[in-house]
Amino acid sequence: MAKLYFSYAAMNAGKSTLLLQAAYNYRERGMRPLLYTSSLYVKNGSGLISSRIGISEPAELYSAEDDLYNAIREETENGKVDCVFVDEAQFLTADQVWQLARVSDRLRIPVMCFGLRTDFQGKLFPGSQQLLAIADVLREIRTICECGAKATMVVRQNADGRVLTDGEQVAIEKSVYVSLCRKHWEEAVGRWPVKGP
């Protein structure tokens, strides 16, 4: 039975690396994966999933208006699709998450989504919220805070390194984010008045 998977983490945990590795494994076995990423990450007019370790792969772009079920169903008319991979899944709409659930339920194609759980304000992204609610399999990918503890949160910094506490939910420049454990995130954003215990 095909399933809808959601692998989530804070920034810099290797989500895209794991996605690219899994897609490579499908291809190595003669299978056909479809790769998608958010249109927020368009490069030179096309989609690209890239990892900090230097590997990348072209991908189809999706935006909030796209019907992913129909797009994937149409792809099956061009040949068998063995797996669908979605990077930056936090940017999916709730409807698109349901569309991907239908891909696994009705087209019987596994769908593997990778993305952030929360934004820099500690709030769930809409796509992540819906995936956490209906995905068949949830998998946390771990990364570490500066203290060595598991990082579950991110802060956004300005050019001077000052932590920002408000602003638009989406800023796609990845270098402005730092992953922290909950304790250090709370201190960084000023929710706890002093650093320390």
N, C-alpha and C. Protein backbone atom coordinates (compact mmCIF):
# COMPACT_ATOMS: atom_id res chain seq x y z
N MET A 1 0.84 -1.18 0.00
CA MET A 1 0.00 0.00 0.00
C MET A 1 0.88 1.24 0.00
N ALA A 2 0.62 2.17 -0.89
CA ALA A 2 1.37 3.43 -0.95
C ALA A 2 0.99 4.30 0.23
N LYS A 3 1.93 5.12 0.67
CA LYS A 3 1.69 5.98 1.83
C LYS A 3 2.14 7.40 1.54
N LEU A 4 1.64 8.31 2.37
CA LEU A 4 2.07 9.70 2.38
C LEU A 4 3.01 9.87 3.56
N TYR A 5 4.25 10.28 3.27
CA TYR A 5 5.29 10.43 4.29
C TYR A 5 5.60 11.91 4.48
N PHE A 6 5.90 12.29 5.71
CA PHE A 6 6.38 13.65 5.98
C PHE A 6 7.62 13.56 6.85
N SER A 7 8.74 13.96 6.27
CA SER A 7 10.01 14.05 7.00
C SER A 7 10.25 15.52 7.26
N TYR A 8 10.34 15.87 8.54
CA TYR A 8 10.44 17.29 8.90
C TYR A 8 11.62 17.52 9.83
N ALA A 9 12.07 18.77 9.86
CA ALA A 9 13.20 19.13 10.71
C ALA A 9 13.32 20.64 10.75
N ALA A 10 14.28 21.10 11.54
CA ALA A 10 14.69 22.50 11.52
C ALA A 10 15.62 22.69 10.32
N MET A 11 16.09 23.90 10.13
CA MET A 11 17.00 24.19 9.01
C MET A 11 18.31 23.42 9.17
N ASN A 12 18.92 23.11 8.05
CA ASN A 12 20.26 22.51 8.00
C ASN A 12 20.33 21.12 8.61
N ALA A 13 19.26 20.36 8.49
CA ALA A 13 19.26 18.99 9.01
C ALA A 13 19.56 17.96 7.92
N GLY A 14 19.59 18.40 6.65
CA GLY A 14 19.87 17.48 5.56
C GLY A 14 18.64 16.92 4.88
N LYS A 15 17.52 17.63 4.97
CA LYS A 15 16.27 17.15 4.35
C LYS A 15 16.43 16.96 2.84
N SER A 16 16.96 17.98 2.18
CA SER A 16 17.11 17.89 0.71
C SER A 16 18.12 16.82 0.33
N THR A 17 19.15 16.66 1.12
CA THR A 17 20.15 15.61 0.86
C THR A 17 19.50 14.24 0.91
N LEU A 18 18.67 14.01 1.92
CA LEU A 18 17.99 12.71 2.04
C LEU A 18 17.02 12.50 0.88
N LEU A 19 16.31 13.54 0.48
CA LEU A 19 15.41 13.44 -0.65
C LEU A 19 16.17 13.05 -1.91
N LEU A 20 17.26 13.76 -2.20
CA LEU A 20 18.04 13.48 -3.41
C LEU A 20 18.64 12.08 -3.38
N GLN A 21 19.06 11.65 -2.22
CA GLN A 21 19.62 10.29 -2.08
C GLN A 21 18.55 9.24 -2.36
N ALA A 22 17.34 9.44 -1.82
CA ALA A 22 16.26 8.47 -2.04
C ALA A 22 15.85 8.45 -3.51
N ALA A 23 15.77 9.62 -4.15
CA ALA A 23 15.42 9.67 -5.58
C ALA A 23 16.48 8.97 -6.41
N TYR A 24 17.74 9.14 -6.06
CA TYR A 24 18.84 8.46 -6.75
C TYR A 24 18.67 6.95 -6.63
N ASN A 25 18.31 6.47 -5.45
CA ASN A 25 18.12 5.03 -5.25
C ASN A 25 17.02 4.49 -6.14
N TYR A 26 15.94 5.24 -6.31
CA TYR A 26 14.87 4.81 -7.21
C TYR A 26 15.40 4.69 -8.64
N ARG A 27 16.10 5.72 -9.10
CA ARG A 27 16.63 5.71 -10.46
C ARG A 27 17.63 4.59 -10.67
N GLU A 28 18.45 4.35 -9.68
CA GLU A 28 19.47 3.30 -9.77
C GLU A 28 18.83 1.92 -9.98
N ARG A 29 17.61 1.76 -9.54
CA ARG A 29 16.90 0.49 -9.68
C ARG A 29 15.97 0.50 -10.91
N GLY A 30 16.16 1.48 -11.78
CA GLY A 30 15.38 1.54 -13.00
C GLY A 30 13.98 2.07 -12.83
N MET A 31 13.73 2.72 -11.72
CA MET A 31 12.40 3.26 -11.44
C MET A 31 12.35 4.74 -11.76
N ARG A 32 11.14 5.28 -11.84
CA ARG A 32 10.94 6.68 -12.21
C ARG A 32 10.36 7.49 -11.06
N PRO A 33 11.18 8.33 -10.42
CA PRO A 33 10.64 9.25 -9.42
C PRO A 33 10.29 10.60 -10.05
N LEU A 34 9.32 11.29 -9.48
CA LEU A 34 9.01 12.67 -9.85
C LEU A 34 9.44 13.55 -8.69
N LEU A 35 10.14 14.65 -9.00
CA LEU A 35 10.61 15.57 -7.98
C LEU A 35 9.92 16.91 -8.14
N TYR A 36 9.46 17.46 -7.02
CA TYR A 36 8.81 18.77 -7.00
C TYR A 36 9.46 19.64 -5.93
N THR A 37 9.50 20.95 -6.21
CA THR A 37 9.90 21.93 -5.21
C THR A 37 9.07 23.19 -5.38
N SER A 38 9.06 24.00 -4.37
CA SER A 38 8.26 25.21 -4.39
C SER A 38 8.74 26.19 -5.44
N SER A 39 7.80 26.89 -6.07
CA SER A 39 8.15 27.91 -7.06
C SER A 39 8.91 29.07 -6.43
N LEU A 40 8.94 29.14 -5.11
CA LEU A 40 9.76 30.15 -4.43
C LEU A 40 11.24 29.91 -4.68
N TYR A 41 11.60 28.69 -5.10
CA TYR A 41 12.99 28.32 -5.32
C TYR A 41 13.33 28.18 -6.80
N VAL A 42 12.68 28.97 -7.63
CA VAL A 42 12.97 28.94 -9.06
C VAL A 42 14.37 29.50 -9.31
N LYS A 43 15.14 28.81 -10.16
CA LYS A 43 16.47 29.27 -10.53
C LYS A 43 16.58 29.26 -12.04
N ASN A 44 16.83 30.43 -12.60
CA ASN A 44 16.92 30.57 -14.06
C ASN A 44 15.70 29.99 -14.77
N GLY A 45 14.53 30.21 -14.20
CA GLY A 45 13.30 29.77 -14.83
C GLY A 45 12.90 28.34 -14.61
N SER A 46 13.69 27.58 -13.84
CA SER A 46 13.33 26.18 -13.60
C SER A 46 13.54 25.83 -12.13
N GLY A 47 13.02 24.67 -11.76
CA GLY A 47 13.13 24.20 -10.39
C GLY A 47 14.41 23.44 -10.16
N LEU A 48 14.95 23.59 -8.97
CA LEU A 48 16.18 22.88 -8.62
C LEU A 48 16.15 22.58 -7.13
N ILE A 49 16.32 21.31 -6.79
CA ILE A 49 16.48 20.92 -5.39
C ILE A 49 17.97 20.82 -5.16
N SER A 50 18.46 21.59 -4.21
CA SER A 50 19.90 21.57 -3.96
C SER A 50 20.17 21.40 -2.48
N SER A 51 21.31 20.80 -2.21
CA SER A 51 21.73 20.52 -0.85
C SER A 51 22.99 21.32 -0.52
N ARG A 52 23.17 21.62 0.74
CA ARG A 52 24.37 22.35 1.17
C ARG A 52 25.65 21.58 0.88
N ILE A 53 25.57 20.27 0.72
CA ILE A 53 26.79 19.50 0.46
C ILE A 53 27.17 19.48 -1.01
N GLY A 54 26.38 20.18 -1.83
CA GLY A 54 26.78 20.39 -3.21
C GLY A 54 26.10 19.54 -4.26
N ILE A 55 25.12 18.74 -3.89
CA ILE A 55 24.40 17.96 -4.90
C ILE A 55 23.07 18.65 -5.21
N SER A 56 22.60 18.46 -6.44
CA SER A 56 21.34 19.09 -6.83
C SER A 56 20.69 18.27 -7.93
N GLU A 57 19.44 18.56 -8.17
CA GLU A 57 18.68 17.83 -9.18
C GLU A 57 17.54 18.72 -9.68
N PRO A 58 17.27 18.72 -10.98
CA PRO A 58 16.12 19.47 -11.47
C PRO A 58 14.82 18.93 -10.90
N ALA A 59 13.85 19.83 -10.74
CA ALA A 59 12.56 19.43 -10.19
C ALA A 59 11.45 20.27 -10.82
N GLU A 60 10.28 19.70 -10.86
CA GLU A 60 9.09 20.45 -11.28
C GLU A 60 8.77 21.46 -10.20
N LEU A 61 8.25 22.59 -10.59
CA LEU A 61 7.86 23.63 -9.63
C LEU A 61 6.38 23.52 -9.32
N TYR A 62 6.02 23.79 -8.07
CA TYR A 62 4.61 23.90 -7.73
C TYR A 62 4.37 25.25 -7.06
N SER A 63 3.20 25.81 -7.30
CA SER A 63 2.78 27.02 -6.61
C SER A 63 1.43 26.74 -5.98
N ALA A 64 0.94 27.67 -5.20
CA ALA A 64 -0.29 27.45 -4.44
C ALA A 64 -1.50 27.16 -5.33
N GLU A 65 -1.45 27.58 -6.58
CA GLU A 65 -2.60 27.38 -7.47
C GLU A 65 -2.62 26.01 -8.15
N ASP A 66 -1.55 25.26 -8.08
CA ASP A 66 -1.43 24.00 -8.82
C ASP A 66 -2.23 22.87 -8.19
N ASP A 67 -2.81 22.05 -9.04
CA ASP A 67 -3.47 20.83 -8.60
C ASP A 67 -2.47 19.69 -8.79
N LEU A 68 -1.85 19.27 -7.71
CA LEU A 68 -0.78 18.27 -7.79
C LEU A 68 -1.31 16.89 -8.13
N TYR A 69 -2.51 16.57 -7.69
CA TYR A 69 -3.08 15.27 -8.05
C TYR A 69 -3.20 15.16 -9.57
N ASN A 70 -3.79 16.15 -10.20
CA ASN A 70 -3.97 16.10 -11.65
C ASN A 70 -2.63 16.13 -12.39
N ALA A 71 -1.69 16.92 -11.90
CA ALA A 71 -0.37 16.98 -12.54
C ALA A 71 0.31 15.62 -12.50
N ILE A 72 0.24 14.95 -11.37
CA ILE A 72 0.89 13.64 -11.22
C ILE A 72 0.12 12.58 -12.01
N ARG A 73 -1.20 12.65 -11.99
CA ARG A 73 -2.01 11.71 -12.77
C ARG A 73 -1.67 11.82 -14.26
N GLU A 74 -1.51 13.04 -14.75
CA GLU A 74 -1.13 13.24 -16.15
C GLU A 74 0.26 12.66 -16.42
N GLU A 75 1.17 12.76 -15.47
CA GLU A 75 2.51 12.17 -15.63
C GLU A 75 2.44 10.65 -15.76
N THR A 76 1.47 10.02 -15.11
CA THR A 76 1.35 8.57 -15.20
C THR A 76 0.94 8.13 -16.60
N GLU A 77 0.35 9.05 -17.37
CA GLU A 77 -0.01 8.72 -18.75
C GLU A 77 1.23 8.65 -19.64
N ASN A 78 2.33 9.24 -19.19
CA ASN A 78 3.60 9.19 -19.93
C ASN A 78 4.48 8.03 -19.48
N GLY A 79 4.01 7.23 -18.56
CA GLY A 79 4.79 6.10 -18.05
C GLY A 79 4.60 5.96 -16.56
N LYS A 80 4.98 4.83 -16.06
CA LYS A 80 4.80 4.54 -14.64
C LYS A 80 5.60 5.50 -13.79
N VAL A 81 4.98 6.00 -12.73
CA VAL A 81 5.65 6.82 -11.73
C VAL A 81 5.76 5.97 -10.48
N ASP A 82 6.99 5.80 -10.00
CA ASP A 82 7.21 4.90 -8.86
C ASP A 82 7.19 5.61 -7.51
N CYS A 83 7.48 6.91 -7.49
CA CYS A 83 7.48 7.65 -6.23
C CYS A 83 7.46 9.14 -6.55
N VAL A 84 6.82 9.92 -5.68
CA VAL A 84 6.80 11.37 -5.81
C VAL A 84 7.53 11.94 -4.60
N PHE A 85 8.47 12.86 -4.87
CA PHE A 85 9.23 13.53 -3.82
C PHE A 85 8.89 15.02 -3.85
N VAL A 86 8.59 15.58 -2.69
CA VAL A 86 8.24 17.01 -2.59
C VAL A 86 9.18 17.67 -1.59
N ASP A 87 10.01 18.60 -2.08
CA ASP A 87 10.88 19.38 -1.21
C ASP A 87 10.18 20.67 -0.84
N GLU A 88 10.58 21.27 0.27
CA GLU A 88 9.97 22.51 0.77
C GLU A 88 8.47 22.34 0.96
N ALA A 89 8.08 21.19 1.53
CA ALA A 89 6.67 20.84 1.67
C ALA A 89 5.91 21.77 2.60
N GLN A 90 6.62 22.55 3.40
CA GLN A 90 5.93 23.51 4.27
C GLN A 90 5.14 24.53 3.47
N PHE A 91 5.51 24.74 2.20
CA PHE A 91 4.83 25.72 1.36
C PHE A 91 3.63 25.17 0.62
N LEU A 92 3.33 23.89 0.79
CA LEU A 92 2.10 23.33 0.22
C LEU A 92 0.89 23.97 0.89
N THR A 93 -0.21 24.05 0.17
CA THR A 93 -1.47 24.45 0.80
C THR A 93 -2.09 23.20 1.43
N ALA A 94 -3.07 23.42 2.30
CA ALA A 94 -3.78 22.29 2.90
C ALA A 94 -4.43 21.45 1.80
N ASP A 95 -5.02 22.09 0.79
CA ASP A 95 -5.64 21.36 -0.32
C ASP A 95 -4.61 20.51 -1.06
N GLN A 96 -3.41 21.05 -1.27
CA GLN A 96 -2.38 20.28 -1.97
C GLN A 96 -1.92 19.08 -1.18
N VAL A 97 -1.90 19.18 0.14
CA VAL A 97 -1.56 18.02 0.96
C VAL A 97 -2.60 16.93 0.74
N TRP A 98 -3.87 17.31 0.70
CA TRP A 98 -4.93 16.33 0.42
C TRP A 98 -4.78 15.75 -0.99
N GLN A 99 -4.38 16.58 -1.94
CA GLN A 99 -4.15 16.08 -3.30
C GLN A 99 -3.05 15.02 -3.30
N LEU A 100 -1.99 15.26 -2.53
CA LEU A 100 -0.90 14.28 -2.45
C LEU A 100 -1.35 13.01 -1.72
N ALA A 101 -2.23 13.17 -0.74
CA ALA A 101 -2.79 11.98 -0.08
C ALA A 101 -3.57 11.14 -1.08
N ARG A 102 -4.29 11.81 -1.98
CA ARG A 102 -5.04 11.09 -3.02
C ARG A 102 -4.10 10.39 -4.00
N VAL A 103 -2.94 10.98 -4.25
CA VAL A 103 -1.95 10.31 -5.11
C VAL A 103 -1.57 8.97 -4.49
N SER A 104 -1.33 8.95 -3.19
CA SER A 104 -0.97 7.67 -2.55
C SER A 104 -2.17 6.74 -2.44
N ASP A 105 -3.35 7.28 -2.11
CA ASP A 105 -4.53 6.44 -1.91
C ASP A 105 -5.14 5.92 -3.20
N ARG A 106 -5.22 6.78 -4.22
CA ARG A 106 -5.97 6.43 -5.42
C ARG A 106 -5.09 6.04 -6.60
N LEU A 107 -3.91 6.67 -6.69
CA LEU A 107 -2.98 6.30 -7.76
C LEU A 107 -1.99 5.25 -7.28
N ARG A 108 -1.98 4.99 -5.99
CA ARG A 108 -1.10 3.99 -5.36
C ARG A 108 0.38 4.29 -5.61
N ILE A 109 0.73 5.57 -5.49
CA ILE A 109 2.12 6.00 -5.64
C ILE A 109 2.57 6.57 -4.30
N PRO A 110 3.68 6.08 -3.74
CA PRO A 110 4.18 6.67 -2.50
C PRO A 110 4.56 8.14 -2.72
N VAL A 111 4.26 8.97 -1.72
CA VAL A 111 4.59 10.40 -1.78
C VAL A 111 5.44 10.73 -0.55
N MET A 112 6.64 11.22 -0.79
CA MET A 112 7.56 11.57 0.29
C MET A 112 7.78 13.07 0.32
N CYS A 113 7.28 13.70 1.38
CA CYS A 113 7.39 15.15 1.54
C CYS A 113 8.47 15.47 2.57
N PHE A 114 9.24 16.51 2.28
CA PHE A 114 10.32 16.94 3.16
C PHE A 114 10.17 18.44 3.39
N GLY A 115 10.23 18.87 4.65
CA GLY A 115 10.09 20.30 4.90
C GLY A 115 10.27 20.67 6.35
N LEU A 116 10.12 21.96 6.59
CA LEU A 116 10.20 22.51 7.93
C LEU A 116 8.87 22.29 8.65
N ARG A 117 8.93 22.14 9.94
CA ARG A 117 7.72 22.03 10.74
C ARG A 117 7.22 23.43 11.13
N THR A 118 8.12 24.25 11.68
CA THR A 118 7.72 25.57 12.17
C THR A 118 8.56 26.67 11.54
N ASP A 119 8.01 27.88 11.60
CA ASP A 119 8.72 29.05 11.09
C ASP A 119 9.57 29.68 12.19
N PHE A 120 10.17 30.83 11.92
CA PHE A 120 11.06 31.49 12.87
C PHE A 120 10.34 32.04 14.09
N GLN A 121 9.00 32.11 14.03
CA GLN A 121 8.21 32.56 15.17
C GLN A 121 7.65 31.38 15.98
N GLY A 122 8.04 30.18 15.62
CA GLY A 122 7.57 28.99 16.32
C GLY A 122 6.17 28.55 15.92
N LYS A 123 5.68 29.04 14.77
CA LYS A 123 4.34 28.69 14.30
C LYS A 123 4.43 27.67 13.17
N LEU A 124 3.45 26.78 13.13
CA LEU A 124 3.40 25.78 12.07
C LEU A 124 3.16 26.44 10.72
N PHE A 125 3.85 25.95 9.70
CA PHE A 125 3.53 26.33 8.33
C PHE A 125 2.23 25.62 7.95
N PRO A 126 1.40 26.20 7.08
CA PRO A 126 0.14 25.54 6.69
C PRO A 126 0.34 24.14 6.11
N GLY A 127 1.31 23.98 5.21
CA GLY A 127 1.53 22.66 4.63
C GLY A 127 1.98 21.66 5.67
N SER A 128 2.84 22.09 6.56
CA SER A 128 3.33 21.19 7.62
C SER A 128 2.21 20.81 8.57
N GLN A 129 1.36 21.77 8.90
CA GLN A 129 0.25 21.50 9.80
C GLN A 129 -0.65 20.40 9.22
N GLN A 130 -0.96 20.51 7.93
CA GLN A 130 -1.84 19.51 7.32
C GLN A 130 -1.13 18.17 7.19
N LEU A 131 0.16 18.19 6.86
CA LEU A 131 0.91 16.94 6.78
C LEU A 131 0.99 16.25 8.14
N LEU A 132 1.22 17.02 9.20
CA LEU A 132 1.26 16.43 10.54
C LEU A 132 -0.09 15.81 10.89
N ALA A 133 -1.16 16.37 10.35
CA ALA A 133 -2.49 15.86 10.65
C ALA A 133 -2.83 14.58 9.89
N ILE A 134 -2.41 14.47 8.61
CA ILE A 134 -2.93 13.35 7.81
C ILE A 134 -1.88 12.41 7.22
N ALA A 135 -0.60 12.71 7.32
CA ALA A 135 0.41 11.81 6.75
C ALA A 135 0.36 10.45 7.44
N ASP A 136 0.64 9.42 6.67
CA ASP A 136 0.66 8.06 7.23
C ASP A 136 1.90 7.84 8.09
N VAL A 137 3.01 8.43 7.67
CA VAL A 137 4.27 8.23 8.38
C VAL A 137 4.92 9.59 8.62
N LEU A 138 5.26 9.87 9.87
CA LEU A 138 5.96 11.09 10.26
C LEU A 138 7.36 10.71 10.68
N ARG A 139 8.33 11.47 10.20
CA ARG A 139 9.72 11.18 10.54
C ARG A 139 10.44 12.49 10.84
N GLU A 140 11.01 12.57 12.03
CA GLU A 140 11.79 13.74 12.38
C GLU A 140 13.25 13.51 11.99
N ILE A 141 13.79 14.47 11.27
CA ILE A 141 15.21 14.44 10.92
C ILE A 141 15.90 15.38 11.89
N ARG A 142 16.90 14.91 12.55
CA ARG A 142 17.50 15.70 13.62
C ARG A 142 18.71 16.51 13.17
N THR A 143 18.80 17.68 13.76
CA THR A 143 20.00 18.50 13.66
C THR A 143 20.26 19.05 15.06
N ILE A 144 21.39 19.72 15.24
CA ILE A 144 21.75 20.12 16.60
C ILE A 144 21.86 21.63 16.76
N CYS A 145 21.60 22.04 17.96
CA CYS A 145 21.74 23.43 18.40
C CYS A 145 23.22 23.69 18.71
N GLU A 146 23.56 24.94 18.91
CA GLU A 146 24.92 25.32 19.29
C GLU A 146 25.37 24.68 20.59
N CYS A 147 24.40 24.27 21.45
CA CYS A 147 24.74 23.65 22.73
C CYS A 147 24.89 22.13 22.61
N GLY A 148 24.57 21.58 21.44
CA GLY A 148 24.66 20.13 21.23
C GLY A 148 23.36 19.40 21.40
N ALA A 149 22.32 20.08 21.93
CA ALA A 149 21.00 19.47 22.08
C ALA A 149 20.31 19.42 20.72
N LYS A 150 19.25 18.63 20.64
CA LYS A 150 18.47 18.54 19.39
C LYS A 150 17.84 19.90 19.09
N ALA A 151 18.04 20.38 17.87
CA ALA A 151 17.43 21.64 17.44
C ALA A 151 16.06 21.36 16.84
N THR A 152 15.06 22.06 17.35
CA THR A 152 13.70 21.90 16.85
C THR A 152 13.11 23.22 16.35
N MET A 153 13.83 24.31 16.53
CA MET A 153 13.33 25.65 16.21
C MET A 153 14.36 26.37 15.34
N VAL A 154 13.92 27.46 14.70
CA VAL A 154 14.85 28.30 13.94
C VAL A 154 14.62 29.77 14.29
N VAL A 155 15.69 30.54 14.23
CA VAL A 155 15.57 31.99 14.31
C VAL A 155 16.00 32.57 12.98
N ARG A 156 15.44 33.74 12.67
CA ARG A 156 15.84 34.48 11.48
C ARG A 156 16.66 35.67 11.95
N GLN A 157 17.78 35.90 11.28
CA GLN A 157 18.65 37.01 11.64
C GLN A 157 18.73 38.03 10.51
N ASN A 158 18.96 39.29 10.90
CA ASN A 158 19.20 40.30 9.86
C ASN A 158 20.68 40.27 9.48
N ALA A 159 21.09 41.19 8.61
CA ALA A 159 22.48 41.21 8.11
C ALA A 159 23.50 41.42 9.23
N ASP A 160 23.08 42.06 10.33
CA ASP A 160 23.99 42.30 11.46
C ASP A 160 24.00 41.14 12.46
N GLY A 161 23.21 40.10 12.20
CA GLY A 161 23.15 38.97 13.12
C GLY A 161 22.13 39.13 14.23
N ARG A 162 21.34 40.21 14.18
CA ARG A 162 20.31 40.42 15.19
C ARG A 162 19.11 39.52 14.89
N VAL A 163 18.58 38.87 15.92
CA VAL A 163 17.44 37.97 15.77
C VAL A 163 16.18 38.78 15.51
N LEU A 164 15.43 38.40 14.47
CA LEU A 164 14.18 39.06 14.13
C LEU A 164 13.02 38.29 14.75
N THR A 165 12.04 39.02 15.24
CA THR A 165 10.89 38.36 15.88
C THR A 165 9.59 38.61 15.14
N ASP A 166 9.62 39.45 14.10
CA ASP A 166 8.41 39.64 13.31
C ASP A 166 8.80 39.79 11.84
N GLY A 167 7.80 39.77 11.00
CA GLY A 167 8.03 39.84 9.57
C GLY A 167 7.21 38.78 8.86
N GLU A 168 7.34 38.76 7.55
CA GLU A 168 6.65 37.77 6.74
C GLU A 168 7.08 36.36 7.15
N GLN A 169 6.16 35.41 7.05
CA GLN A 169 6.49 34.03 7.43
C GLN A 169 7.57 33.45 6.52
N VAL A 170 7.58 33.86 5.26
CA VAL A 170 8.49 33.26 4.29
C VAL A 170 9.59 34.24 3.90
N ALA A 171 10.81 33.81 4.09
CA ALA A 171 12.00 34.49 3.55
C ALA A 171 12.90 33.36 3.08
N ILE A 172 13.12 33.25 1.78
CA ILE A 172 13.75 32.04 1.26
C ILE A 172 15.27 32.04 1.32
N GLU A 173 15.89 33.13 1.72
CA GLU A 173 17.35 33.15 1.85
C GLU A 173 17.73 32.30 3.06
N LYS A 174 18.24 31.10 2.81
CA LYS A 174 18.49 30.14 3.87
C LYS A 174 19.60 30.55 4.82
N SER A 175 20.52 31.39 4.38
CA SER A 175 21.66 31.75 5.22
C SER A 175 21.27 32.63 6.40
N VAL A 176 20.05 33.16 6.45
CA VAL A 176 19.65 34.02 7.55
C VAL A 176 19.03 33.23 8.71
N TYR A 177 18.97 31.94 8.59
CA TYR A 177 18.36 31.11 9.62
C TYR A 177 19.40 30.33 10.42
N VAL A 178 19.12 30.18 11.71
CA VAL A 178 19.96 29.40 12.60
C VAL A 178 19.06 28.45 13.37
N SER A 179 19.42 27.18 13.41
CA SER A 179 18.64 26.18 14.14
C SER A 179 19.07 26.15 15.60
N LEU A 180 18.08 26.13 16.49
CA LEU A 180 18.33 26.13 17.93
C LEU A 180 17.41 25.14 18.64
N CYS A 181 17.82 24.72 19.83
CA CYS A 181 16.91 23.95 20.68
C CYS A 181 15.84 24.92 21.20
N ARG A 182 14.77 24.39 21.75
CA ARG A 182 13.68 25.24 22.23
C ARG A 182 14.15 26.22 23.30
N LYS A 183 15.00 25.77 24.22
CA LYS A 183 15.49 26.64 25.30
C LYS A 183 16.23 27.84 24.72
N HIS A 184 17.17 27.60 23.81
CA HIS A 184 17.96 28.71 23.27
C HIS A 184 17.15 29.56 22.29
N TRP A 185 16.16 28.98 21.63
CA TRP A 185 15.27 29.77 20.79
C TRP A 185 14.48 30.75 21.64
N GLU A 186 13.94 30.26 22.76
CA GLU A 186 13.15 31.12 23.64
C GLU A 186 13.99 32.28 24.17
N GLU A 187 15.24 32.01 24.48
CA GLU A 187 16.14 33.08 24.93
C GLU A 187 16.44 34.04 23.78
N ALA A 188 16.70 33.51 22.60
CA ALA A 188 17.08 34.34 21.46
C ALA A 188 15.98 35.30 21.03
N VAL A 189 14.73 34.85 21.09
CA VAL A 189 13.62 35.70 20.65
C VAL A 189 13.04 36.55 21.79
N GLY A 190 13.63 36.42 22.99
CA GLY A 190 13.19 37.26 24.11
C GLY A 190 11.98 36.77 24.86
N ARG A 191 11.61 35.51 24.69
CA ARG A 191 10.48 34.96 25.44
C ARG A 191 10.89 34.56 26.86
N TRP A 192 12.19 34.47 27.10
CA TRP A 192 12.71 34.19 28.44
C TRP A 192 13.67 35.33 28.75
N PRO A 193 13.50 35.99 29.88
CA PRO A 193 14.22 37.25 30.11
C PRO A 193 15.73 37.16 30.27
N VAL A 194 16.26 36.03 30.69
CA VAL A 194 17.71 35.95 30.89
C VAL A 194 18.26 34.69 30.26
N LYS A 195 19.49 34.73 29.84
CA LYS A 195 20.13 33.52 29.32
C LYS A 195 20.56 32.66 30.48
N GLY A 196 20.37 31.38 30.34
CA GLY A 196 20.77 30.45 31.39
C GLY A 196 19.58 29.63 31.86
N PRO A 197 19.67 28.98 33.02
CA PRO A 197 18.62 28.07 33.50
C PRO A 197 17.28 28.70 33.75
